[in-house]
């Protein structure tokens, strides 16, 4: 799964690397959570885009992209990039 996510991110021009890729064999000698593979985004500016893409891939059936207008407080459906009430642009998500 982690290799698949790395490939998807790289397809979107998000440079990343896998940490702890080979530590699964050490489980038992070290705590399991220390051996879990991790995907790291190399450029902090890509963090929000990477999180959104991974969230979309891991939860495709759930509506997770609705957003809350920071100006007027209205809940806006995910397909809209501006608030229907006050025309405030959708904030970047992290």
Protein backbone atom coordinates (compact mmCIF):
# COMPACT_ATOMS: atom_id res chain seq x y z
CA UNK A 1 0.00 0.00 0.00
CA UNK A 2 2.75 2.45 0.90
CA UNK A 3 4.47 1.82 -2.45
CA UNK A 4 1.17 2.46 -4.25
CA UNK A 5 0.69 5.76 -2.39
CA UNK A 6 4.25 6.80 -3.23
CA UNK A 7 3.60 6.09 -6.90
CA UNK A 8 0.36 8.09 -6.91
CA UNK A 9 2.03 11.07 -5.24
CA UNK A 10 4.94 10.96 -7.66
CA UNK A 11 2.48 10.85 -10.58
CA UNK A 12 1.20 14.20 -9.25
CA UNK A 13 4.78 15.56 -9.14
CA UNK A 14 4.94 15.35 -5.34
CA UNK A 15 8.42 14.16 -4.39
CA UNK A 16 8.34 11.69 -1.50
CA UNK A 17 10.23 8.83 0.08
CA UNK A 18 9.44 5.80 2.19
CA UNK A 19 10.94 5.54 5.68
CA UNK A 20 11.22 2.23 7.58
CA UNK A 21 10.51 0.26 4.40
CA UNK A 22 12.66 -2.68 5.47
CA UNK A 23 11.96 -2.71 9.22
CA UNK A 24 8.99 -5.12 9.15
CA UNK A 25 11.40 -7.99 9.82
CA UNK A 26 12.50 -6.33 13.04
CA UNK A 27 9.00 -6.43 14.54
CA UNK A 28 9.34 -8.25 17.85
CA UNK A 29 12.80 -6.86 18.45
CA UNK A 30 11.46 -3.30 18.37
CA UNK A 31 7.92 -2.05 19.04
CA UNK A 32 5.61 -2.60 16.01
CA UNK A 33 4.78 1.11 15.68
CA UNK A 34 8.50 1.82 15.27
CA UNK A 35 8.65 -0.56 12.30
CA UNK A 36 5.64 0.77 10.38
CA UNK A 37 6.54 2.18 6.99
CA UNK A 38 5.99 5.92 6.60
CA UNK A 39 5.67 8.10 3.53
CA UNK A 40 7.40 11.47 3.79
CA UNK A 41 6.82 14.40 1.46
CA UNK A 42 10.13 16.06 0.61
CA UNK A 43 8.83 19.60 0.07
CA UNK A 44 6.71 21.10 2.88
CA UNK A 45 4.76 23.11 0.29
CA UNK A 46 3.32 19.83 -1.05
CA UNK A 47 2.03 18.65 2.33
CA UNK A 48 -1.59 19.81 1.97
CA UNK A 49 -1.96 18.43 -1.55
CA UNK A 50 -0.42 15.10 -0.50
CA UNK A 51 -2.70 14.75 2.53
CA UNK A 52 -5.78 15.54 0.46
CA UNK A 53 -4.82 13.03 -2.23
CA UNK A 54 -4.05 10.26 0.26
CA UNK A 55 -7.30 10.94 2.12
CA UNK A 56 -9.23 10.72 -1.14
CA UNK A 57 -7.53 7.42 -2.04
CA UNK A 58 -8.04 5.79 1.36
CA UNK A 59 -11.66 6.91 1.86
CA UNK A 60 -13.19 7.13 -1.63
CA UNK A 61 -16.75 6.37 -0.48
CA UNK A 62 -16.87 8.99 2.24
CA UNK A 63 -17.56 12.68 1.70
CA UNK A 64 -14.59 14.24 3.42
CA UNK A 65 -14.11 17.37 1.38
CA UNK A 66 -17.04 19.54 2.49
CA UNK A 67 -15.66 22.72 3.97
CA UNK A 68 -16.56 25.36 6.50
CA UNK A 69 -16.43 29.01 5.34
CA UNK A 70 -13.98 30.90 7.55
CA UNK A 71 -15.83 34.18 6.93
CA UNK A 72 -19.52 33.44 7.52
CA UNK A 73 -19.48 29.93 9.01
CA UNK A 74 -21.59 28.27 6.28
CA UNK A 75 -20.95 24.61 5.38
CA UNK A 76 -20.18 24.28 1.67
CA UNK A 77 -20.26 21.08 -0.40
CA UNK A 78 -16.96 19.80 -1.73
CA UNK A 79 -17.54 20.62 -5.41
CA UNK A 80 -17.72 24.37 -4.73
CA UNK A 81 -14.59 26.53 -4.46
CA UNK A 82 -16.40 29.63 -3.14
CA UNK A 83 -18.95 30.18 -0.41
CA UNK A 84 -22.43 30.65 -1.88
CA UNK A 85 -23.34 33.10 0.87
CA UNK A 86 -20.37 35.50 1.01
CA UNK A 87 -18.16 34.51 -1.98
CA UNK A 88 -15.15 33.72 0.21
CA UNK A 89 -12.70 31.36 -1.51
CA UNK A 90 -12.19 27.87 -0.15
CA UNK A 91 -9.19 27.78 2.24
CA UNK A 92 -6.29 25.40 1.64
CA UNK A 93 -6.64 22.21 3.65
CA UNK A 94 -3.93 20.46 5.60
